[in-house]
């Protein structure tokens, strides 16, 4: 039997109007990978912030190897042996790997010595890194390695990981899992937060489930189905998205020879993209973050203009048209970045409904805003997509990430688009809300909308897409029917393999099956 590394007893933290953690207790054992599960707003982030010294609990205690543990700040938590890899990277693109690692250390050694340590540790754990490469030139998976190595150089006894596989290919996920298992064998405990329940089942030794700030149960993931864990999280039956049979429609979106240089110096150039999307079809595009997804959405939404004939909708060339002209023609988009791109943080929900709905919902007349109609549209979104908010008067920044995502996706869907381009539709959204959004996309396709769904969630793309392609370094793989693809083939496509390489893997799998 291993001992207890961290014991949490009765932790409570309240904010005005909400109890984030309510009398939460559980143990993390030595040499254990422990999952922390829960819907958006269940209290996971607040709990790990208390462990990491970012937030002070109102009541309750923590003990570290039977000694009181009350970190005043992250520096104290790191000194005790806690490391954390956040979901969103905290790296400077213009600096190299070693310089970024040094910024996270109390007393960094000389750069030459630090570079040698980075090489040594990264190779030991199967996460090779060149310490002198500029971070802006790294893939998302390599950037995550920088964050992990920065933690490992501190020799943590507890490593907290928040959604660590959201930017990785299936092959990179396997490498990460091998690293985490090696760390566990060497004595490091891991607190693992993820919405990907099959990964939890494959990796974790134990799981604690939070719901509405309370610990509602623990389980052994390998002995529990993903559905059972999801239903513990939501406190009820989880609805599985269902498809409606439909015939292939006419080509609505036709992209031919699309090339585009990025506005961001660390962005990705789109290189000669070709694809079509038919009425009633969902085309899924996968890829590790930073391979041209944002640039593609900008090109299709009209935020970035292209050659006139590079993009056609129902035969009309629209590459030269801006966003409003495209919205008038039924081309709508929901970008990945919710706060600041998809929604204006300080505007209320009725104002945010107006921002993209003014044209198709006729919310303006002769230069004047019809505010009652804008508020009605916001209320329609809130009701149809179960957005948890006191009302349309609330500022966008006051919503949780999952609820804001439901509002943003609902705002576009309720405008009945001919083409919907959506990037990361369920990013950071819990299982129940993700199922609702996916069902809404399937229902929209059943009504004849052509949908381009860009996502890093392969389970999502396999569940709702009719065909699949992958972006890698601004290039698009061959487009394949989802029914013909294995996860290994998808991973190869995301990693840049094309055509014959993927076909060869497919043939080998068929022969093995025979």
Protein backbone atom coordinates (compact mmCIF):
# COMPACT_ATOMS: atom_id res chain seq x y z
CA UNK A 1 0.00 0.00 0.00
CA UNK A 2 1.25 3.46 -0.86
CA UNK A 3 0.74 6.32 1.58
CA UNK A 4 -1.23 9.50 1.15
CA UNK A 5 0.62 12.39 -0.50
CA UNK A 6 -2.07 15.08 -0.27
CA UNK A 7 -5.18 14.94 1.92
CA UNK A 8 -7.95 17.47 1.29
CA UNK A 9 -10.56 17.82 4.04
CA UNK A 10 -13.65 20.01 3.89
CA UNK A 11 -12.28 22.63 1.49
CA UNK A 12 -14.83 25.38 0.90
CA UNK A 13 -14.49 28.48 -1.26
CA UNK A 14 -17.33 30.91 -1.99
CA UNK A 15 -17.56 33.93 -4.27
CA UNK A 16 -20.43 36.44 -4.41
CA UNK A 17 -23.47 34.49 -5.54
CA UNK A 18 -21.79 31.10 -5.91
CA UNK A 19 -20.13 28.43 -3.79
CA UNK A 20 -17.30 27.15 -5.99
CA UNK A 21 -16.22 24.36 -3.61
CA UNK A 22 -18.51 23.05 -0.91
CA UNK A 23 -16.91 20.87 1.79
CA UNK A 24 -14.72 18.93 -0.66
CA UNK A 25 -12.64 16.04 0.71
CA UNK A 26 -10.47 13.41 -1.01
CA UNK A 27 -6.96 11.94 -0.95
CA UNK A 28 -4.25 11.72 -3.59
CA UNK A 29 -1.98 8.76 -2.95
CA UNK A 30 1.75 8.47 -3.57
CA UNK A 31 2.51 7.15 -7.05
CA UNK A 32 -1.08 7.68 -8.22
CA UNK A 33 -2.60 9.26 -11.32
CA UNK A 34 -5.81 10.76 -9.93
CA UNK A 35 -8.48 12.22 -12.23
CA UNK A 36 -10.56 15.23 -11.26
CA UNK A 37 -13.80 15.27 -13.23
CA UNK A 38 -16.78 17.59 -13.44
CA UNK A 39 -18.87 19.81 -15.68
CA UNK A 40 -17.97 23.42 -16.41
CA UNK A 41 -18.55 25.32 -13.19
CA UNK A 42 -18.26 22.19 -11.02
CA UNK A 43 -15.35 23.69 -9.08
CA UNK A 44 -12.31 21.93 -10.58
CA UNK A 45 -10.37 25.10 -11.38
CA UNK A 46 -10.96 26.64 -7.97
CA UNK A 47 -9.85 23.44 -6.25
CA UNK A 48 -6.54 23.13 -8.10
CA UNK A 49 -5.90 26.86 -7.62
CA UNK A 50 -6.14 26.29 -3.86
CA UNK A 51 -3.66 23.40 -4.10
CA UNK A 52 -1.31 25.55 -6.19
CA UNK A 53 -1.51 28.58 -3.88
CA UNK A 54 -3.41 30.86 -6.26
CA UNK A 55 -6.56 30.94 -4.10
CA UNK A 56 -6.99 30.70 -0.32
CA UNK A 57 -9.82 28.48 0.98
CA UNK A 58 -12.51 29.94 3.23
CA UNK A 59 -12.44 26.80 5.39
CA UNK A 60 -11.07 23.28 5.41
CA UNK A 61 -7.54 21.92 5.55
CA UNK A 62 -4.89 20.33 3.38
CA UNK A 63 -2.10 18.09 4.63
CA UNK A 64 1.03 17.15 2.70
CA UNK A 65 2.52 13.87 3.90
CA UNK A 66 0.67 14.37 7.20
CA UNK A 67 2.02 17.93 7.63
CA UNK A 68 -0.21 21.05 7.35
CA UNK A 69 -0.16 22.43 3.79
CA UNK A 70 -1.17 26.08 3.35
CA UNK A 71 0.70 27.51 0.33
CA UNK A 72 0.54 31.31 0.38
CA UNK A 73 1.34 31.56 -3.34
CA UNK A 74 2.51 29.38 -6.28
CA UNK A 75 6.14 29.87 -5.26
CA UNK A 76 5.40 28.22 -1.90
CA UNK A 77 3.48 25.41 -3.62
CA UNK A 78 6.38 24.77 -6.00
CA UNK A 79 8.82 24.77 -3.09
CA UNK A 80 6.71 22.08 -1.39
CA UNK A 81 6.75 19.95 -4.55
CA UNK A 82 3.65 20.94 -6.55
CA UNK A 83 3.99 21.65 -10.29
CA UNK A 84 1.20 22.68 -12.64
CA UNK A 85 0.81 22.58 -16.42
CA UNK A 86 -2.04 24.93 -17.32
CA UNK A 87 -4.48 24.38 -20.18
CA UNK A 88 -3.45 27.65 -21.82
CA UNK A 89 0.31 27.99 -22.28
CA UNK A 90 2.18 30.83 -20.57
CA UNK A 91 5.08 31.12 -23.02
CA UNK A 92 6.72 34.01 -24.87
CA UNK A 93 6.80 33.30 -28.61
CA UNK A 94 9.80 35.53 -29.29
CA UNK A 95 12.03 33.75 -26.73
CA UNK A 96 13.66 30.36 -27.14
CA UNK A 97 12.85 27.26 -25.10
CA UNK A 98 15.65 27.71 -22.55
CA UNK A 99 14.79 31.38 -21.99
CA UNK A 100 11.14 30.48 -21.35
CA UNK A 101 12.14 27.75 -18.91
CA UNK A 102 14.49 30.15 -17.08
CA UNK A 103 11.64 32.62 -16.56
CA UNK A 104 9.79 30.02 -14.50
CA UNK A 105 12.73 29.27 -12.17
CA UNK A 106 13.63 31.03 -8.93
CA UNK A 107 17.39 30.84 -9.50
CA UNK A 108 18.10 29.69 -13.05
CA UNK A 109 21.58 28.33 -13.75
CA UNK A 110 23.79 29.69 -16.56
CA UNK A 111 22.04 29.27 -19.93
CA UNK A 112 24.53 26.66 -21.18
CA UNK A 113 23.97 24.50 -18.09
CA UNK A 114 20.21 24.95 -18.27
CA UNK A 115 20.18 23.95 -21.95
CA UNK A 116 22.07 20.76 -21.09
CA UNK A 117 19.55 19.96 -18.32
CA UNK A 118 16.63 20.57 -20.68
CA UNK A 119 18.11 18.19 -23.26
CA UNK A 120 18.84 15.55 -20.61
CA UNK A 121 15.43 15.67 -18.89
CA UNK A 122 13.44 15.93 -22.13
CA UNK A 123 15.20 12.91 -23.64
CA UNK A 124 14.91 10.90 -20.40
CA UNK A 125 11.12 11.29 -20.46
CA UNK A 126 10.65 10.83 -24.20
CA UNK A 127 9.81 14.50 -24.87
CA UNK A 128 12.85 15.69 -26.87
CA UNK A 129 13.31 19.46 -27.14
CA UNK A 130 15.91 21.73 -28.70
CA UNK A 131 16.54 24.35 -25.99
CA UNK A 132 17.58 26.97 -28.53
CA UNK A 133 14.52 26.82 -30.81
CA UNK A 134 12.25 29.86 -30.79
CA UNK A 135 8.93 29.01 -29.13
CA UNK A 136 6.96 30.80 -31.87
CA UNK A 137 8.26 28.19 -34.34
CA UNK A 138 7.14 25.20 -32.24
CA UNK A 139 4.01 23.12 -32.76
CA UNK A 140 1.37 23.09 -30.04
CA UNK A 141 2.56 19.67 -28.91
CA UNK A 142 6.15 20.91 -28.62
CA UNK A 143 5.00 23.96 -26.64
CA UNK A 144 3.28 21.67 -24.19
CA UNK A 145 6.58 19.80 -23.82
CA UNK A 146 8.20 23.09 -22.79
CA UNK A 147 5.59 23.55 -20.06
CA UNK A 148 6.03 19.96 -18.84
CA UNK A 149 9.84 20.09 -18.85
CA UNK A 150 9.72 23.40 -16.98
CA UNK A 151 7.77 21.60 -14.25
CA UNK A 152 9.93 18.47 -14.27
CA UNK A 153 13.09 20.50 -13.71
CA UNK A 154 11.59 21.42 -10.33
CA UNK A 155 11.37 17.69 -9.42
CA UNK A 156 7.66 17.84 -8.44
CA UNK A 157 6.04 15.28 -6.16
CA UNK A 158 2.57 16.27 -7.42
CA UNK A 159 2.06 17.33 -11.03
CA UNK A 160 -1.29 18.97 -11.87
CA UNK A 161 -2.29 18.76 -15.55
CA UNK A 162 -5.29 20.66 -16.95
CA UNK A 163 -6.67 19.28 -20.26
CA UNK A 164 -3.18 18.20 -21.38
CA UNK A 165 -4.20 16.30 -24.54
CA UNK A 166 -6.44 18.93 -26.14
CA UNK A 167 -3.66 20.04 -28.54
CA UNK A 168 -2.09 16.63 -29.30
CA UNK A 169 -2.36 14.06 -32.08
CA UNK A 170 -3.23 10.48 -31.03
CA UNK A 171 0.44 9.52 -31.39
CA UNK A 172 1.52 12.45 -29.18
CA UNK A 173 -1.11 11.42 -26.60
CA UNK A 174 0.50 7.98 -26.38
CA UNK A 175 3.94 9.56 -25.86
CA UNK A 176 2.53 11.78 -23.11
CA UNK A 177 0.87 8.82 -21.40
CA UNK A 178 4.14 6.86 -21.46
CA UNK A 179 5.84 9.87 -19.84
CA UNK A 180 3.19 10.15 -17.13
CA UNK A 181 3.37 6.43 -16.36
CA UNK A 182 7.15 6.70 -16.08
CA UNK A 183 6.79 9.64 -13.69
CA UNK A 184 4.33 7.64 -11.59
CA UNK A 185 6.73 4.69 -11.43
CA UNK A 186 9.48 7.05 -10.22
CA UNK A 187 7.29 8.37 -7.40
CA UNK A 188 5.45 11.39 -8.81
CA UNK A 189 1.70 11.67 -8.23
CA UNK A 190 -0.42 13.32 -10.93
CA UNK A 191 -3.74 15.17 -10.63
CA UNK A 192 -5.24 14.93 -14.11
CA UNK A 193 -8.13 17.09 -15.35
CA UNK A 194 -9.77 16.17 -18.65
CA UNK A 195 -13.15 15.97 -20.39
CA UNK A 196 -11.89 13.00 -22.44
CA UNK A 197 -13.29 10.13 -20.42
CA UNK A 198 -11.83 7.27 -22.47
CA UNK A 199 -8.38 8.76 -21.79
CA UNK A 200 -9.21 8.84 -18.08
CA UNK A 201 -10.15 5.16 -18.26
CA UNK A 202 -6.88 4.28 -20.01
CA UNK A 203 -4.57 6.30 -17.76
CA UNK A 204 -5.90 7.04 -14.29
CA UNK A 205 -5.88 4.90 -11.14
CA UNK A 206 -8.70 6.77 -9.36
CA UNK A 207 -11.16 9.55 -10.08
CA UNK A 208 -12.99 12.12 -7.97
CA UNK A 209 -16.16 13.62 -9.47
CA UNK A 210 -17.32 17.15 -8.62
CA UNK A 211 -20.83 18.44 -9.26
CA UNK A 212 -21.95 21.95 -8.30
CA UNK A 213 -18.92 22.30 -6.07
CA UNK A 214 -19.44 19.07 -4.12
CA UNK A 215 -17.60 15.74 -4.21
CA UNK A 216 -20.36 13.42 -5.45
CA UNK A 217 -18.30 10.26 -5.66
CA UNK A 218 -15.11 8.45 -6.53
CA UNK A 219 -14.47 5.54 -8.84
CA UNK A 220 -11.81 3.37 -10.43
CA UNK A 221 -11.91 4.56 -14.06
CA UNK A 222 -10.80 1.25 -15.60
CA UNK A 223 -13.81 -0.43 -13.92
CA UNK A 224 -16.29 2.33 -14.88
CA UNK A 225 -17.72 3.14 -18.31
CA UNK A 226 -17.27 6.60 -19.81
CA UNK A 227 -21.07 6.99 -19.84
CA UNK A 228 -21.32 6.14 -16.14
CA UNK A 229 -18.66 8.72 -15.29
CA UNK A 230 -20.37 11.34 -17.46
CA UNK A 231 -23.71 10.67 -15.78
CA UNK A 232 -22.11 11.02 -12.35
CA UNK A 233 -20.82 14.40 -13.52
CA UNK A 234 -24.18 15.67 -14.77
CA UNK A 235 -26.38 13.94 -12.19
CA UNK A 236 -28.70 12.40 -14.76
CA UNK A 237 -28.97 10.54 -18.04
CA UNK A 238 -26.59 11.75 -20.76
CA UNK A 239 -28.19 12.14 -24.17
CA UNK A 240 -26.18 10.75 -27.09
CA UNK A 241 -26.32 12.84 -30.28
CA UNK A 242 -28.34 11.14 -33.02
CA UNK A 243 -28.13 11.55 -36.78
CA UNK A 244 -31.02 12.05 -39.15
CA UNK A 245 -30.64 10.20 -42.45
CA UNK A 246 -30.12 12.63 -45.31
CA UNK A 247 -29.13 12.55 -48.97
CA UNK A 248 -26.15 14.44 -50.35
CA UNK A 249 -27.17 17.89 -51.51
CA UNK A 250 -25.63 20.26 -54.02
CA UNK A 251 -22.22 21.81 -53.43
CA UNK A 252 -22.74 24.98 -51.38
CA UNK A 253 -19.16 25.90 -50.38
CA UNK A 254 -16.41 25.46 -52.98
CA UNK A 255 -12.83 26.35 -52.03
CA UNK A 256 -10.27 26.20 -54.84
CA UNK A 257 -6.58 27.05 -54.62
CA UNK A 258 -6.96 29.02 -51.38
CA UNK A 259 -3.64 30.48 -50.24
CA UNK A 260 -3.28 33.12 -47.54
CA UNK A 261 -0.44 34.65 -45.56
CA UNK A 262 -1.19 35.10 -41.84
CA UNK A 263 -1.78 38.49 -40.22
CA UNK A 264 0.10 37.21 -37.15
CA UNK A 265 3.89 36.87 -37.60
CA UNK A 266 3.70 33.54 -35.75
CA UNK A 267 0.69 32.39 -37.75
CA UNK A 268 0.55 29.77 -40.50
CA UNK A 269 0.36 30.35 -44.25
CA UNK A 270 -2.49 28.53 -46.00
CA UNK A 271 -1.12 26.68 -49.02
CA UNK A 272 -3.34 25.88 -52.01
CA UNK A 273 -6.37 24.43 -50.20
CA UNK A 274 -9.08 22.63 -52.20
CA UNK A 275 -12.34 21.25 -50.76
CA UNK A 276 -16.13 21.37 -51.09
CA UNK A 277 -19.00 21.09 -48.62
CA UNK A 278 -22.47 20.02 -49.74
CA UNK A 279 -25.86 21.00 -48.37
CA UNK A 280 -26.63 18.84 -45.34
CA UNK A 281 -23.01 17.69 -44.97
CA UNK A 282 -20.62 18.13 -42.06
CA UNK A 283 -16.98 18.25 -43.18
CA UNK A 284 -14.65 17.79 -40.21
CA UNK A 285 -11.16 19.28 -40.31
CA UNK A 286 -8.73 18.11 -37.63
CA UNK A 287 -5.24 19.20 -36.81
CA UNK A 288 -3.01 20.19 -33.94
CA UNK A 289 -3.45 23.84 -32.94
CA UNK A 290 -1.44 26.34 -34.96
CA UNK A 291 -1.57 24.58 -38.32
CA UNK A 292 -3.80 27.10 -40.10
CA UNK A 293 -7.18 26.69 -38.40
CA UNK A 294 -7.54 30.35 -37.39
CA UNK A 295 -6.36 31.53 -40.79
CA UNK A 296 -8.88 29.28 -42.57
CA UNK A 297 -11.77 30.58 -40.48
CA UNK A 298 -10.67 34.17 -41.14
CA UNK A 299 -10.55 33.49 -44.89
CA UNK A 300 -14.02 31.92 -44.92
CA UNK A 301 -15.66 34.47 -42.60
CA UNK A 302 -14.35 37.45 -44.59
CA UNK A 303 -12.08 38.76 -41.85
CA UNK A 304 -9.21 38.10 -44.28
CA UNK A 305 -9.81 38.72 -47.97
CA UNK A 306 -8.55 36.31 -50.62
CA UNK A 307 -8.52 35.94 -54.38
CA UNK A 308 -12.08 36.51 -55.59
CA UNK A 309 -12.51 33.04 -57.09
CA UNK A 310 -10.79 31.12 -54.27
CA UNK A 311 -14.07 30.86 -52.35
CA UNK A 312 -17.49 30.32 -53.93
CA UNK A 313 -20.90 29.90 -52.33
CA UNK A 314 -23.57 28.42 -54.59
CA UNK A 315 -21.39 29.37 -57.55
CA UNK A 316 -20.89 33.02 -56.55
CA UNK A 317 -17.28 34.17 -56.00
CA UNK A 318 -17.02 35.79 -52.57
CA UNK A 319 -13.29 35.82 -51.74
CA UNK A 320 -13.22 39.62 -52.05
CA UNK A 321 -16.22 40.26 -49.79
CA UNK A 322 -16.07 41.29 -46.13
CA UNK A 323 -17.90 39.68 -43.17
CA UNK A 324 -21.19 41.59 -43.43
CA UNK A 325 -21.60 40.88 -47.12
CA UNK A 326 -20.96 37.20 -46.44
CA UNK A 327 -23.44 37.11 -43.56
CA UNK A 328 -26.05 38.57 -45.91
CA UNK A 329 -25.37 35.61 -48.22
CA UNK A 330 -25.76 33.13 -45.37
CA UNK A 331 -22.11 32.40 -44.51
CA UNK A 332 -21.72 32.54 -40.72
CA UNK A 333 -18.78 31.68 -38.49
CA UNK A 334 -18.04 30.95 -34.82
CA UNK A 335 -14.32 31.39 -34.03
CA UNK A 336 -12.33 29.48 -31.42
CA UNK A 337 -11.55 32.40 -29.11
CA UNK A 338 -14.79 33.06 -27.27
CA UNK A 339 -13.94 36.19 -25.32
CA UNK A 340 -12.61 38.99 -27.49
CA UNK A 341 -13.24 37.43 -30.90
CA UNK A 342 -16.60 35.65 -30.84
CA UNK A 343 -17.97 37.95 -28.11
CA UNK A 344 -17.13 41.42 -26.81
CA UNK A 345 -16.36 40.89 -23.08
CA UNK A 346 -17.87 44.10 -21.70
CA UNK A 347 -20.98 44.13 -23.88
CA UNK A 348 -24.12 42.48 -22.56
CA UNK A 349 -25.69 39.47 -24.27
CA UNK A 350 -28.27 41.49 -26.21
CA UNK A 351 -25.46 43.65 -27.63
CA UNK A 352 -23.44 40.54 -28.48
CA UNK A 353 -26.50 39.05 -30.18
CA UNK A 354 -26.72 42.20 -32.27
CA UNK A 355 -23.06 42.06 -33.37
CA UNK A 356 -23.51 39.16 -35.79
CA UNK A 357 -27.31 38.94 -35.93
CA UNK A 358 -28.11 42.48 -37.11
CA UNK A 359 -28.33 41.55 -40.81
CA UNK A 360 -30.04 38.16 -40.86
CA UNK A 361 -32.38 38.89 -37.92
CA UNK A 362 -33.21 42.43 -39.16
CA UNK A 363 -32.20 44.07 -35.89
CA UNK A 364 -31.50 47.48 -37.45
CA UNK A 365 -33.57 49.81 -39.65
CA UNK A 366 -32.33 52.96 -41.38
CA UNK A 367 -29.31 53.15 -39.11
CA UNK A 368 -31.20 52.62 -35.86
CA UNK A 369 -30.98 49.55 -33.63
CA UNK A 370 -34.21 47.77 -32.77
CA UNK A 371 -33.25 47.06 -29.15
CA UNK A 372 -36.44 45.17 -28.20
CA UNK A 373 -35.79 42.80 -31.14
CA UNK A 374 -32.12 42.41 -30.13
CA UNK A 375 -33.13 41.56 -26.56
CA UNK A 376 -35.72 39.09 -27.86
CA UNK A 377 -33.05 37.42 -30.01
CA UNK A 378 -30.71 37.15 -27.02
CA UNK A 379 -33.54 35.64 -24.94
CA UNK A 380 -34.25 33.15 -27.75
CA UNK A 381 -30.60 32.02 -27.71
CA UNK A 382 -30.55 31.77 -23.90
CA UNK A 383 -33.71 29.65 -23.89
CA UNK A 384 -32.94 27.39 -26.87
CA UNK A 385 -29.38 26.59 -25.77
CA UNK A 386 -29.88 26.49 -21.99
CA UNK A 387 -27.41 29.31 -21.34
CA UNK A 388 -27.12 29.60 -17.56
CA UNK A 389 -27.35 33.35 -16.93
CA UNK A 390 -29.69 35.73 -15.06
CA UNK A 391 -30.66 37.38 -18.35
CA UNK A 392 -29.71 39.24 -21.52
CA UNK A 393 -28.47 42.23 -19.47
CA UNK A 394 -25.43 40.26 -18.22
CA UNK A 395 -21.99 41.05 -19.71
CA UNK A 396 -20.38 38.30 -21.79
CA UNK A 397 -17.34 38.13 -19.50
CA UNK A 398 -19.61 37.18 -16.56
CA UNK A 399 -20.58 33.86 -18.17
CA UNK A 400 -18.61 30.68 -17.61
CA UNK A 401 -16.66 29.47 -20.62
CA UNK A 402 -19.13 26.68 -21.36
CA UNK A 403 -22.18 28.93 -21.16
CA UNK A 404 -20.57 31.60 -23.35
CA UNK A 405 -19.72 28.90 -25.88
CA UNK A 406 -23.36 27.77 -25.96
CA UNK A 407 -24.43 31.39 -26.49
CA UNK A 408 -21.95 31.95 -29.34
CA UNK A 409 -22.83 28.72 -31.16
CA UNK A 410 -26.56 29.25 -30.61
CA UNK A 411 -26.37 32.82 -31.94
CA UNK A 412 -25.09 31.57 -35.31
CA UNK A 413 -27.30 28.46 -35.56
CA UNK A 414 -30.52 30.43 -34.90
CA UNK A 415 -29.76 32.63 -37.92
CA UNK A 416 -30.37 29.62 -40.22
CA UNK A 417 -27.09 29.84 -42.16
CA UNK A 418 -26.52 28.29 -45.57
CA UNK A 419 -22.89 27.71 -44.52
CA UNK A 420 -21.62 27.52 -40.93
CA UNK A 421 -17.90 27.49 -40.20
CA UNK A 422 -17.18 26.66 -36.58
CA UNK A 423 -13.79 26.32 -34.90
CA UNK A 424 -13.60 24.26 -31.69
CA UNK A 425 -17.37 24.13 -31.06
CA UNK A 426 -17.06 22.33 -27.70
CA UNK A 427 -13.68 23.64 -26.50
CA UNK A 428 -13.59 23.43 -22.69
CA UNK A 429 -17.27 22.45 -22.56
CA UNK A 430 -18.49 19.66 -20.28
CA UNK A 431 -19.95 16.38 -21.54
CA UNK A 432 -23.61 17.38 -21.32
CA UNK A 433 -23.18 20.77 -23.00
CA UNK A 434 -20.90 19.23 -25.66
CA UNK A 435 -23.58 16.65 -26.48
CA UNK A 436 -26.16 19.44 -26.83
CA UNK A 437 -23.92 21.47 -29.17
CA UNK A 438 -23.11 18.45 -31.33
CA UNK A 439 -26.80 17.57 -31.57
CA UNK A 440 -27.57 21.16 -32.61
CA UNK A 441 -24.97 20.90 -35.40
CA UNK A 442 -26.41 17.58 -36.58
CA UNK A 443 -29.92 19.03 -36.56
CA UNK A 444 -28.72 22.07 -38.53
CA UNK A 445 -27.13 19.82 -41.14
CA UNK A 446 -30.36 17.81 -41.37
CA UNK A 447 -32.11 21.07 -42.32
CA UNK A 448 -29.71 21.50 -45.25
CA UNK A 449 -26.90 23.70 -43.94
CA UNK A 450 -23.36 22.98 -45.15
CA UNK A 451 -21.14 22.81 -42.05
CA UNK A 452 -17.36 23.01 -41.79
CA UNK A 453 -16.36 21.89 -38.30
CA UNK A 454 -12.75 22.60 -37.34
CA UNK A 455 -11.77 20.79 -34.14
CA UNK A 456 -8.89 19.23 -32.24
CA UNK A 457 -11.30 16.77 -30.60
CA UNK A 458 -11.09 13.66 -32.76
CA UNK A 459 -13.92 11.91 -30.94
CA UNK A 460 -16.11 14.87 -31.81
CA UNK A 461 -15.14 14.85 -35.47
CA UNK A 462 -15.64 11.09 -35.78
CA UNK A 463 -19.05 11.40 -34.13
CA UNK A 464 -20.60 14.15 -36.24
CA UNK A 465 -18.62 14.38 -39.51
CA UNK A 466 -19.45 12.80 -42.84
CA UNK A 467 -15.97 13.37 -44.28
CA UNK A 468 -12.63 14.23 -42.66
CA UNK A 469 -9.47 16.08 -43.61
CA UNK A 470 -6.48 17.31 -41.59
CA UNK A 471 -4.55 20.58 -41.61
CA UNK A 472 -0.79 20.39 -41.19
CA UNK A 473 1.49 23.41 -41.65
CA UNK A 474 -1.21 25.14 -43.70
CA UNK A 475 -1.72 22.20 -46.08
CA UNK A 476 -4.85 20.08 -46.29
CA UNK A 477 -4.74 16.30 -46.52
CA UNK A 478 -6.93 14.28 -48.83
CA UNK A 479 -10.58 14.41 -47.75
CA UNK A 480 -11.83 10.94 -46.74
CA UNK A 481 -15.20 9.50 -45.64
CA UNK A 482 -15.14 9.09 -41.86
CA UNK A 483 -16.46 5.53 -42.18
CA UNK A 484 -13.22 4.51 -43.93
CA UNK A 485 -10.79 5.93 -41.35
CA UNK A 486 -9.11 4.51 -38.25
CA UNK A 487 -7.76 6.67 -35.43
CA UNK A 488 -4.21 5.74 -36.46
CA UNK A 489 -4.83 6.99 -40.00
CA UNK A 490 -6.34 10.19 -38.63
CA UNK A 491 -3.25 10.73 -36.46
CA UNK A 492 -0.97 10.27 -39.47
CA UNK A 493 -3.01 12.76 -41.48
CA UNK A 494 -2.77 15.30 -38.64
CA UNK A 495 0.98 14.72 -38.49
CA UNK A 496 1.38 15.53 -42.19
CA UNK A 497 1.14 12.12 -43.88
CA UNK A 498 -0.79 12.24 -47.13
CA UNK A 499 -2.17 10.02 -49.83
CA UNK A 500 -0.10 6.88 -50.28
CA UNK A 501 1.26 6.81 -46.70
CA UNK A 502 -2.22 6.74 -45.18
CA UNK A 503 -3.49 4.33 -47.82
CA UNK A 504 -0.59 1.97 -46.98
CA UNK A 505 -1.56 1.98 -43.29
CA UNK A 506 -5.19 1.32 -44.28
CA UNK A 507 -4.16 -1.69 -46.37
CA UNK A 508 -2.02 -3.09 -43.52
CA UNK A 509 -4.93 -2.78 -41.10
CA UNK A 510 -7.28 -4.54 -43.51
CA UNK A 511 -4.77 -7.38 -43.98
CA UNK A 512 -4.34 -7.70 -40.21
CA UNK A 513 -8.10 -7.84 -39.79
CA UNK A 514 -8.34 -10.56 -42.43
